[in-house]
Amino acid sequence: MKLTLPHNLKTEGAAIVRAKQALNEMRAQLPKDASIDKEEWSGNSLAFAATANKMTITGALVVTATDYDITAKLPLMLRMFEGRIEKAIKEQTAQLLNK
């Protein structure tokens, strides 16, 4: 799955700070059966892994001056819901990332 989420922040640095804040906010709201298992930043790139309902999603986030580019590998069971997942991610992250 690949997504590009535009942001209205002025610089790549500001967008990285906002992404880190959003991750912390999301972590606090995760249900009991969900976790962020990996969060490794290297410059403007984040490698991540998250588990929910015993299914793991891995991927990367690349932050640019204008966009958040997300690439994620979905488990087979979730691939048939990719469109719905993309829509939910766009709706939920729009508010978190553009505060």
PDB file of N, CA and C in Angstrom:
ATOM      1  N   MET A   1       0.848  -1.163   0.000  1.00  0.00           N
ATOM      2  CA  MET A   1       0.000   0.000   0.000  1.00  0.00           C
ATOM      3  C   MET A   1       0.899   1.233   0.000  1.00  0.00           C
ATOM      4  N   LYS A   2       0.563   2.195  -0.843  1.00  0.00           N
ATOM      5  CA  LYS A   2       1.314   3.446  -0.902  1.00  0.00           C
ATOM      6  C   LYS A   2       0.344   4.611  -0.783  1.00  0.00           C
ATOM      7  N   LEU A   3       0.722   5.569   0.064  1.00  0.00           N
ATOM      8  CA  LEU A   3      -0.096   6.756   0.284  1.00  0.00           C
ATOM      9  C   LEU A   3       0.782   7.987   0.284  1.00  0.00           C
ATOM     10  N   THR A   4       0.258   9.077  -0.229  1.00  0.00           N
ATOM     11  CA  THR A   4       0.909  10.372  -0.090  1.00  0.00           C
ATOM     12  C   THR A   4      -0.082  11.297   0.590  1.00  0.00           C
ATOM     13  N   LEU A   5       0.340  11.811   1.747  1.00  0.00           N
ATOM     14  CA  LEU A   5      -0.506  12.712   2.513  1.00  0.00           C
ATOM     15  C   LEU A   5       0.136  14.085   2.524  1.00  0.00           C
ATOM     16  N   PRO A   6      -0.465  15.056   1.856  1.00  0.00           N
ATOM     17  CA  PRO A   6       0.111  16.403   1.856  1.00  0.00           C
ATOM     18  C   PRO A   6      -0.025  17.047   3.232  1.00  0.00           C
ATOM     19  N   HIS A   7       0.901  17.926   3.553  1.00  0.00           N
ATOM     20  CA  HIS A   7       0.804  18.672   4.805  1.00  0.00           C
ATOM     21  C   HIS A   7       0.996  20.157   4.513  1.00  0.00           C
ATOM     22  N   ASN A   8       0.591  20.975   5.473  1.00  0.00           N
ATOM     23  CA  ASN A   8       0.665  22.422   5.287  1.00  0.00           C
ATOM     24  C   ASN A   8       1.736  23.061   6.173  1.00  0.00           C
ATOM     25  N   LEU A   9       2.712  22.273   6.578  1.00  0.00           N
ATOM     26  CA  LEU A   9       3.789  22.794   7.413  1.00  0.00           C
ATOM     27  C   LEU A   9       4.841  23.446   6.515  1.00  0.00           C
ATOM     28  N   LYS A  10       5.597  24.349   7.066  1.00  0.00           N
ATOM     29  CA  LYS A  10       6.498  25.174   6.253  1.00  0.00           C
ATOM     30  C   LYS A  10       7.772  24.452   5.815  1.00  0.00           C
ATOM     31  N   THR A  11       8.276  23.534   6.651  1.00  0.00           N
ATOM     32  CA  THR A  11       9.560  22.899   6.347  1.00  0.00           C
ATOM     33  C   THR A  11       9.502  21.404   6.609  1.00  0.00           C
ATOM     34  N   GLU A  12      10.467  20.695   6.053  1.00  0.00           N
ATOM     35  CA  GLU A  12      10.591  19.264   6.309  1.00  0.00           C
ATOM     36  C   GLU A  12      10.822  19.018   7.804  1.00  0.00           C
ATOM     37  N   GLY A  13      11.664  19.852   8.428  1.00  0.00           N
ATOM     38  CA  GLY A  13      11.943  19.703   9.858  1.00  0.00           C
ATOM     39  C   GLY A  13      10.693  19.827  10.705  1.00  0.00           C
ATOM     40  N   ALA A  14       9.851  20.803  10.390  1.00  0.00           N
ATOM     41  CA  ALA A  14       8.600  20.983  11.125  1.00  0.00           C
ATOM     42  C   ALA A  14       7.678  19.785  10.913  1.00  0.00           C
ATOM     43  N   ALA A  15       7.687  19.247   9.714  1.00  0.00           N
ATOM     44  CA  ALA A  15       6.848  18.081   9.409  1.00  0.00           C
ATOM     45  C   ALA A  15       7.335  16.842  10.155  1.00  0.00           C
ATOM     46  N   ILE A  16       8.637  16.695  10.317  1.00  0.00           N
ATOM     47  CA  ILE A  16       9.185  15.569  11.076  1.00  0.00           C
ATOM     48  C   ILE A  16       8.781  15.681  12.547  1.00  0.00           C
ATOM     49  N   VAL A  17       8.919  16.870  13.106  1.00  0.00           N
ATOM     50  CA  VAL A  17       8.522  17.096  14.503  1.00  0.00           C
ATOM     51  C   VAL A  17       7.053  16.748  14.685  1.00  0.00           C
ATOM     52  N   ARG A  18       6.209  17.193  13.760  1.00  0.00           N
ATOM     53  CA  ARG A  18       4.771  16.922  13.852  1.00  0.00           C
ATOM     54  C   ARG A  18       4.489  15.428  13.732  1.00  0.00           C
ATOM     55  N   ALA A  19       5.205  14.726  12.857  1.00  0.00           N
ATOM     56  CA  ALA A  19       5.013  13.276  12.717  1.00  0.00           C
ATOM     57  C   ALA A  19       5.367  12.563  14.017  1.00  0.00           C
ATOM     58  N   LYS A  20       6.443  12.973  14.658  1.00  0.00           N
ATOM     59  CA  LYS A  20       6.843  12.360  15.932  1.00  0.00           C
ATOM     60  C   LYS A  20       5.808  12.629  17.017  1.00  0.00           C
ATOM     61  N   GLN A  21       5.270  13.847  17.057  1.00  0.00           N
ATOM     62  CA  GLN A  21       4.227  14.174  18.025  1.00  0.00           C
ATOM     63  C   GLN A  21       2.980  13.337  17.768  1.00  0.00           C
ATOM     64  N   ALA A  22       2.606  13.193  16.493  1.00  0.00           N
ATOM     65  CA  ALA A  22       1.420  12.414  16.134  1.00  0.00           C
ATOM     66  C   ALA A  22       1.584  10.956  16.553  1.00  0.00           C
ATOM     67  N   LEU A  23       2.781  10.400  16.371  1.00  0.00           N
ATOM     68  CA  LEU A  23       3.031   9.022  16.793  1.00  0.00           C
ATOM     69  C   LEU A  23       2.848   8.870  18.298  1.00  0.00           C
ATOM     70  N   ASN A  24       3.340   9.822  19.055  1.00  0.00           N
ATOM     71  CA  ASN A  24       3.177   9.768  20.509  1.00  0.00           C
ATOM     72  C   ASN A  24       1.707   9.863  20.906  1.00  0.00           C
ATOM     73  N   GLU A  25       0.957  10.717  20.230  1.00  0.00           N
ATOM     74  CA  GLU A  25      -0.471  10.849  20.512  1.00  0.00           C
ATOM     75  C   GLU A  25      -1.214   9.562  20.160  1.00  0.00           C
ATOM     76  N   MET A  26      -0.866   8.974  19.018  1.00  0.00           N
ATOM     77  CA  MET A  26      -1.515   7.732  18.593  1.00  0.00           C
ATOM     78  C   MET A  26      -1.187   6.596  19.549  1.00  0.00           C
ATOM     79  N   ARG A  27       0.055   6.520  19.983  1.00  0.00           N
ATOM     80  CA  ARG A  27       0.483   5.453  20.899  1.00  0.00           C
ATOM     81  C   ARG A  27      -0.379   5.468  22.169  1.00  0.00           C
ATOM     82  N   ALA A  28      -0.675   6.645  22.674  1.00  0.00           N
ATOM     83  CA  ALA A  28      -1.474   6.770  23.894  1.00  0.00           C
ATOM     84  C   ALA A  28      -2.925   6.331  23.690  1.00  0.00           C
ATOM     85  N   GLN A  29      -3.397   6.303  22.459  1.00  0.00           N
ATOM     86  CA  GLN A  29      -4.786   5.965  22.164  1.00  0.00           C
ATOM     87  C   GLN A  29      -4.972   4.537  21.651  1.00  0.00           C
ATOM     88  N   LEU A  30      -3.902   3.772  21.549  1.00  0.00           N
ATOM     89  CA  LEU A  30      -4.003   2.420  21.008  1.00  0.00           C
ATOM     90  C   LEU A  30      -4.814   1.507  21.920  1.00  0.00           C
ATOM     91  N   PRO A  31      -5.626   0.643  21.326  1.00  0.00           N
ATOM     92  CA  PRO A  31      -6.328  -0.343  22.147  1.00  0.00           C
ATOM     93  C   PRO A  31      -5.335  -1.346  22.740  1.00  0.00           C
ATOM     94  N   LYS A  32      -5.791  -2.130  23.696  1.00  0.00           N
ATOM     95  CA  LYS A  32      -4.915  -3.068  24.400  1.00  0.00           C
ATOM     96  C   LYS A  32      -4.251  -4.090  23.487  1.00  0.00           C
ATOM     97  N   ASP A  33      -4.939  -4.491  22.417  1.00  0.00           N
ATOM     98  CA  ASP A  33      -4.387  -5.527  21.543  1.00  0.00           C
ATOM     99  C   ASP A  33      -3.557  -4.945  20.397  1.00  0.00           C
ATOM    100  N   ALA A  34      -3.172  -3.684  20.491  1.00  0.00           N
ATOM    101  CA  ALA A  34      -2.381  -3.036  19.439  1.00  0.00           C
ATOM    102  C   ALA A  34      -1.115  -2.435  20.036  1.00  0.00           C
ATOM    103  N   SER A  35      -0.060  -2.410  19.212  1.00  0.00           N
ATOM    104  CA  SER A  35       1.205  -1.831  19.678  1.00  0.00           C
ATOM    105  C   SER A  35       2.032  -1.333  18.504  1.00  0.00           C
ATOM    106  N   ILE A  36       2.868  -0.363  18.777  1.00  0.00           N
ATOM    107  CA  ILE A  36       3.876   0.070  17.809  1.00  0.00           C
ATOM    108  C   ILE A  36       5.152  -0.648  18.224  1.00  0.00           C
ATOM    109  N   ASP A  37       5.593  -1.580  17.402  1.00  0.00           N
ATOM    110  CA  ASP A  37       6.701  -2.458  17.756  1.00  0.00           C
ATOM    111  C   ASP A  37       8.055  -1.921  17.321  1.00  0.00           C
ATOM    112  N   LYS A  38       8.054  -1.088  16.311  1.00  0.00           N
ATOM    113  CA  LYS A  38       9.316  -0.554  15.783  1.00  0.00           C
ATOM    114  C   LYS A  38       9.080   0.879  15.340  1.00  0.00           C
ATOM    115  N   GLU A  39       9.994   1.745  15.702  1.00  0.00           N
ATOM    116  CA  GLU A  39       9.949   3.150  15.301  1.00  0.00           C
ATOM    117  C   GLU A  39      11.398   3.623  15.217  1.00  0.00           C
ATOM    118  N   GLU A  40      11.987   3.534  14.037  1.00  0.00           N
ATOM    119  CA  GLU A  40      13.391   3.888  13.852  1.00  0.00           C
ATOM    120  C   GLU A  40      13.517   5.015  12.830  1.00  0.00           C
ATOM    121  N   TRP A  41      13.947   6.174  13.319  1.00  0.00           N
ATOM    122  CA  TRP A  41      14.137   7.335  12.455  1.00  0.00           C
ATOM    123  C   TRP A  41      15.567   7.384  11.937  1.00  0.00           C
ATOM    124  N   SER A  42      15.713   7.727  10.675  1.00  0.00           N
ATOM    125  CA  SER A  42      17.008   7.991  10.055  1.00  0.00           C
ATOM    126  C   SER A  42      16.814   9.198   9.150  1.00  0.00           C
ATOM    127  N   GLY A  43      17.207  10.368   9.650  1.00  0.00           N
ATOM    128  CA  GLY A  43      16.973  11.599   8.884  1.00  0.00           C
ATOM    129  C   GLY A  43      15.487  11.845   8.756  1.00  0.00           C
ATOM    130  N   ASN A  44      15.012  11.922   7.515  1.00  0.00           N
ATOM    131  CA  ASN A  44      13.592  12.195   7.279  1.00  0.00           C
ATOM    132  C   ASN A  44      12.781  10.921   7.030  1.00  0.00           C
ATOM    133  N   SER A  45      13.369   9.754   7.326  1.00  0.00           N
ATOM    134  CA  SER A  45      12.697   8.477   7.076  1.00  0.00           C
ATOM    135  C   SER A  45      12.444   7.716   8.366  1.00  0.00           C
ATOM    136  N   LEU A  46      11.281   7.125   8.452  1.00  0.00           N
ATOM    137  CA  LEU A  46      10.898   6.309   9.595  1.00  0.00           C
ATOM    138  C   LEU A  46      10.603   4.898   9.119  1.00  0.00           C
ATOM    139  N   ALA A  47      11.254   3.913   9.717  1.00  0.00           N
ATOM    140  CA  ALA A  47      10.899   2.509   9.502  1.00  0.00           C
ATOM    141  C   ALA A  47      10.014   2.123  10.678  1.00  0.00           C
ATOM    142  N   PHE A  48       8.888   1.466  10.396  1.00  0.00           N
ATOM    143  CA  PHE A  48       7.961   1.151  11.475  1.00  0.00           C
ATOM    144  C   PHE A  48       7.389  -0.247  11.340  1.00  0.00           C
ATOM    145  N   ALA A  49       6.886  -0.733  12.464  1.00  0.00           N
ATOM    146  CA  ALA A  49       6.114  -1.975  12.510  1.00  0.00           C
ATOM    147  C   ALA A  49       5.075  -1.793  13.603  1.00  0.00           C
ATOM    148  N   ALA A  50       3.877  -2.248  13.322  1.00  0.00           N
ATOM    149  CA  ALA A  50       2.785  -2.151  14.285  1.00  0.00           C
ATOM    150  C   ALA A  50       1.981  -3.442  14.238  1.00  0.00           C
ATOM    151  N   THR A  51       1.437  -3.815  15.384  1.00  0.00           N
ATOM    152  CA  THR A  51       0.640  -5.030  15.475  1.00  0.00           C
ATOM    153  C   THR A  51      -0.732  -4.684  16.038  1.00  0.00           C
ATOM    154  N   ALA A  52      -1.753  -5.251  15.422  1.00  0.00           N
ATOM    155  CA  ALA A  52      -3.124  -5.120  15.908  1.00  0.00           C
ATOM    156  C   ALA A  52      -3.848  -6.419  15.595  1.00  0.00           C
ATOM    157  N   ASN A  53      -4.590  -6.913  16.546  1.00  0.00           N
ATOM    158  CA  ASN A  53      -5.317  -8.171  16.349  1.00  0.00           C
ATOM    159  C   ASN A  53      -4.408  -9.286  15.847  1.00  0.00           C
ATOM    160  N   LYS A  54      -3.202  -9.334  16.360  1.00  0.00           N
ATOM    161  CA  LYS A  54      -2.205 -10.355  16.036  1.00  0.00           C
ATOM    162  C   LYS A  54      -1.728 -10.298  14.580  1.00  0.00           C
ATOM    163  N   MET A  55      -1.949  -9.164  13.911  1.00  0.00           N
ATOM    164  CA  MET A  55      -1.464  -8.974  12.543  1.00  0.00           C
ATOM    165  C   MET A  55      -0.467  -7.816  12.545  1.00  0.00           C
ATOM    166  N   THR A  56       0.654  -8.013  11.854  1.00  0.00           N
ATOM    167  CA  THR A  56       1.710  -7.000  11.838  1.00  0.00           C
ATOM    168  C   THR A  56       1.754  -6.294  10.499  1.00  0.00           C
ATOM    169  N   ILE A  57       1.859  -4.991  10.572  1.00  0.00           N
ATOM    170  CA  ILE A  57       2.038  -4.139   9.389  1.00  0.00           C
ATOM    171  C   ILE A  57       3.421  -3.513   9.507  1.00  0.00           C
ATOM    172  N   THR A  58       4.209  -3.611   8.448  1.00  0.00           N
ATOM    173  CA  THR A  58       5.529  -2.986   8.422  1.00  0.00           C
ATOM    174  C   THR A  58       5.553  -1.959   7.303  1.00  0.00           C
ATOM    175  N   GLY A  59       6.468  -1.003   7.422  1.00  0.00           N
ATOM    176  CA  GLY A  59       6.546  -0.019   6.355  1.00  0.00           C
ATOM    177  C   GLY A  59       7.521   1.093   6.646  1.00  0.00           C
ATOM    178  N   ALA A  60       7.381   2.140   5.842  1.00  0.00           N
ATOM    179  CA  ALA A  60       8.261   3.297   5.949  1.00  0.00           C
ATOM    180  C   ALA A  60       7.450   4.562   5.711  1.00  0.00           C
ATOM    181  N   LEU A  61       7.905   5.615   6.361  1.00  0.00           N
ATOM    182  CA  LEU A  61       7.358   6.951   6.180  1.00  0.00           C
ATOM    183  C   LEU A  61       8.515   7.839   5.773  1.00  0.00           C
ATOM    184  N   VAL A  62       8.359   8.547   4.675  1.00  0.00           N
ATOM    185  CA  VAL A  62       9.365   9.521   4.245  1.00  0.00           C
ATOM    186  C   VAL A  62       8.704  10.888   4.290  1.00  0.00           C
ATOM    187  N   VAL A  63       9.349  11.798   4.998  1.00  0.00           N
ATOM    188  CA  VAL A  63       8.814  13.149   5.175  1.00  0.00           C
ATOM    189  C   VAL A  63       9.533  14.094   4.224  1.00  0.00           C
ATOM    190  N   THR A  64       8.758  14.863   3.461  1.00  0.00           N
ATOM    191  CA  THR A  64       9.326  15.887   2.589  1.00  0.00           C
ATOM    192  C   THR A  64       8.768  17.244   3.024  1.00  0.00           C
ATOM    193  N   ALA A  65       9.190  18.276   2.369  1.00  0.00           N
ATOM    194  CA  ALA A  65       8.720  19.620   2.705  1.00  0.00           C
ATOM    195  C   ALA A  65       7.234  19.809   2.414  1.00  0.00           C
ATOM    196  N   THR A  66       6.647  18.921   1.605  1.00  0.00           N
ATOM    197  CA  THR A  66       5.237  19.081   1.238  1.00  0.00           C
ATOM    198  C   THR A  66       4.358  17.875   1.550  1.00  0.00           C
ATOM    199  N   ASP A  67       4.953  16.697   1.757  1.00  0.00           N
ATOM    200  CA  ASP A  67       4.164  15.471   1.892  1.00  0.00           C
ATOM    201  C   ASP A  67       4.733  14.515   2.921  1.00  0.00           C
ATOM    202  N   TYR A  68       3.845  13.602   3.354  1.00  0.00           N
ATOM    203  CA  TYR A  68       4.226  12.403   4.085  1.00  0.00           C
ATOM    204  C   TYR A  68       3.984  11.252   3.109  1.00  0.00           C
ATOM    205  N   ASP A  69       5.018  10.543   2.734  1.00  0.00           N
ATOM    206  CA  ASP A  69       4.894   9.404   1.827  1.00  0.00           C
ATOM    207  C   ASP A  69       4.994   8.124   2.646  1.00  0.00           C
ATOM    208  N   ILE A  70       3.934   7.335   2.611  1.00  0.00           N
ATOM    209  CA  ILE A  70       3.862   6.110   3.400  1.00  0.00           C
ATOM    210  C   ILE A  70       3.823   4.914   2.468  1.00  0.00           C
ATOM    211  N   THR A  71       4.654   3.936   2.778  1.00  0.00           N
ATOM    212  CA  THR A  71       4.621   2.643   2.110  1.00  0.00           C
ATOM    213  C   THR A  71       4.456   1.600   3.200  1.00  0.00           C
ATOM    214  N   ALA A  72       3.457   0.740   3.074  1.00  0.00           N
ATOM    215  CA  ALA A  72       3.215  -0.264   4.110  1.00  0.00           C
ATOM    216  C   ALA A  72       2.924  -1.614   3.477  1.00  0.00           C
ATOM    217  N   LYS A  73       3.390  -2.643   4.142  1.00  0.00           N
ATOM    218  CA  LYS A  73       3.117  -4.011   3.712  1.00  0.00           C
ATOM    219  C   LYS A  73       2.036  -4.577   4.621  1.00  0.00           C
ATOM    220  N   LEU A  74       0.890  -4.856   4.011  1.00  0.00           N
ATOM    221  CA  LEU A  74      -0.244  -5.371   4.768  1.00  0.00           C
ATOM    222  C   LEU A  74      -0.233  -6.897   4.765  1.00  0.00           C
ATOM    223  N   PRO A  75      -0.662  -7.510   5.867  1.00  0.00           N
ATOM    224  CA  PRO A  75      -0.836  -8.964   5.874  1.00  0.00           C
ATOM    225  C   PRO A  75      -1.910  -9.349   4.855  1.00  0.00           C
ATOM    226  N   LEU A  76      -1.844 -10.559   4.375  1.00  0.00           N
ATOM    227  CA  LEU A  76      -2.769 -11.039   3.351  1.00  0.00           C
ATOM    228  C   LEU A  76      -4.232 -10.801   3.717  1.00  0.00           C
ATOM    229  N   MET A  77      -4.584 -11.056   4.971  1.00  0.00           N
ATOM    230  CA  MET A  77      -5.981 -10.884   5.390  1.00  0.00           C
ATOM    231  C   MET A  77      -6.459  -9.447   5.271  1.00  0.00           C
ATOM    232  N   LEU A  78      -5.546  -8.478   5.358  1.00  0.00           N
ATOM    233  CA  LEU A  78      -5.946  -7.070   5.292  1.00  0.00           C
ATOM    234  C   LEU A  78      -5.909  -6.497   3.882  1.00  0.00           C
ATOM    235  N   ARG A  79      -5.258  -7.171   2.969  1.00  0.00           N
ATOM    236  CA  ARG A  79      -5.122  -6.626   1.612  1.00  0.00           C
ATOM    237  C   ARG A  79      -6.463  -6.412   0.927  1.00  0.00           C
ATOM    238  N   MET A  80      -7.439  -7.253   1.217  1.00  0.00           N
ATOM    239  CA  MET A  80      -8.739  -7.085   0.562  1.00  0.00           C
ATOM    240  C   MET A  80      -9.471  -5.833   1.073  1.00  0.00           C
ATOM    241  N   PHE A  81      -8.998  -5.279   2.187  1.00  0.00           N
ATOM    242  CA  PHE A  81      -9.593  -4.070   2.749  1.00  0.00           C
ATOM    243  C   PHE A  81      -8.706  -2.850   2.540  1.00  0.00           C
ATOM    244  N   GLU A  82      -7.760  -2.937   1.620  1.00  0.00           N
ATOM    245  CA  GLU A  82      -6.778  -1.873   1.425  1.00  0.00           C
ATOM    246  C   GLU A  82      -7.424  -0.514   1.172  1.00  0.00           C
ATOM    247  N   GLY A  83      -8.443  -0.462   0.349  1.00  0.00           N
ATOM    248  CA  GLY A  83      -9.121   0.805   0.055  1.00  0.00           C
ATOM    249  C   GLY A  83      -9.722   1.440   1.301  1.00  0.00           C
ATOM    250  N   ARG A  84     -10.366   0.633   2.114  1.00  0.00           N
ATOM    251  CA  ARG A  84     -10.964   1.136   3.350  1.00  0.00           C
ATOM    252  C   ARG A  84      -9.883   1.585   4.333  1.00  0.00           C
ATOM    253  N   ILE A  85      -8.798   0.832   4.379  1.00  0.00           N
ATOM    254  CA  ILE A  85      -7.696   1.177   5.282  1.00  0.00           C
ATOM    255  C   ILE A  85      -7.076   2.505   4.860  1.00  0.00           C
ATOM    256  N   GLU A  86      -6.852   2.680   3.563  1.00  0.00           N
ATOM    257  CA  GLU A  86      -6.299   3.941   3.058  1.00  0.00           C
ATOM    258  C   GLU A  86      -7.203   5.113   3.427  1.00  0.00           C
ATOM    259  N   LYS A  87      -8.495   4.941   3.229  1.00  0.00           N
ATOM    260  CA  LYS A  87      -9.439   6.015   3.543  1.00  0.00           C
ATOM    261  C   LYS A  87      -9.388   6.363   5.028  1.00  0.00           C
ATOM    262  N   ALA A  88      -9.369   5.354   5.886  1.00  0.00           N
ATOM    263  CA  ALA A  88      -9.328   5.591   7.330  1.00  0.00           C
ATOM    264  C   ALA A  88      -8.030   6.292   7.733  1.00  0.00           C
ATOM    265  N   ILE A  89      -6.917   5.873   7.149  1.00  0.00           N
ATOM    266  CA  ILE A  89      -5.630   6.504   7.457  1.00  0.00           C
ATOM    267  C   ILE A  89      -5.663   7.969   7.047  1.00  0.00           C
ATOM    268  N   LYS A  90      -6.160   8.249   5.865  1.00  0.00           N
ATOM    269  CA  LYS A  90      -6.228   9.635   5.387  1.00  0.00           C
ATOM    270  C   LYS A  90      -7.083  10.496   6.303  1.00  0.00           C
ATOM    271  N   GLU A  91      -8.222   9.972   6.712  1.00  0.00           N
ATOM    272  CA  GLU A  91      -9.122  10.742   7.575  1.00  0.00           C
ATOM    273  C   GLU A  91      -8.506  10.992   8.948  1.00  0.00           C
ATOM    274  N   GLN A  92      -7.934   9.961   9.541  1.00  0.00           N
ATOM    275  CA  GLN A  92      -7.406  10.084  10.899  1.00  0.00           C
ATOM    276  C   GLN A  92      -6.116  10.878  10.951  1.00  0.00           C
ATOM    277  N   THR A  93      -5.255  10.718   9.971  1.00  0.00           N
ATOM    278  CA  THR A  93      -3.972  11.402  10.015  1.00  0.00           C
ATOM    279  C   THR A  93      -4.078  12.858   9.571  1.00  0.00           C
ATOM    280  N   ALA A  94      -5.067  13.198   8.792  1.00  0.00           N
ATOM    281  CA  ALA A  94      -5.210  14.585   8.339  1.00  0.00           C
ATOM    282  C   ALA A  94      -5.267  15.525   9.535  1.00  0.00           C
ATOM    283  N   GLN A  95      -6.025  15.162  10.532  1.00  0.00           N
ATOM    284  CA  GLN A  95      -6.150  15.997  11.720  1.00  0.00           C
ATOM    285  C   GLN A  95      -4.868  15.967  12.559  1.00  0.00           C
ATOM    286  N   LEU A  96      -4.311  14.787  12.771  1.00  0.00           N
ATOM    287  CA  LEU A  96      -3.116  14.652  13.614  1.00  0.00           C
ATOM    288  C   LEU A  96      -1.910  15.362  13.024  1.00  0.00           C
ATOM    289  N   LEU A  97      -1.708  15.230  11.726  1.00  0.00           N
ATOM    290  CA  LEU A  97      -0.479  15.731  11.111  1.00  0.00           C
ATOM    291  C   LEU A  97      -0.525  17.209  10.775  1.00  0.00           C
ATOM    292  N   ASN A  98      -1.688  17.779  10.665  1.00  0.00           N
ATOM    293  CA  ASN A  98      -1.787  19.181  10.258  1.00  0.00           C
ATOM    294  C   ASN A  98      -2.212  20.114  11.380  1.00  0.00           C
ATOM    295  N   LYS A  99      -2.013  19.707  12.615  1.00  0.00           N
ATOM    296  CA  LYS A  99      -2.361  20.574  13.751  1.00  0.00           C
ATOM    297  C   LYS A  99      -1.471  21.790  13.774  1.00  0.00           C
TER     298      LYS A  99
END
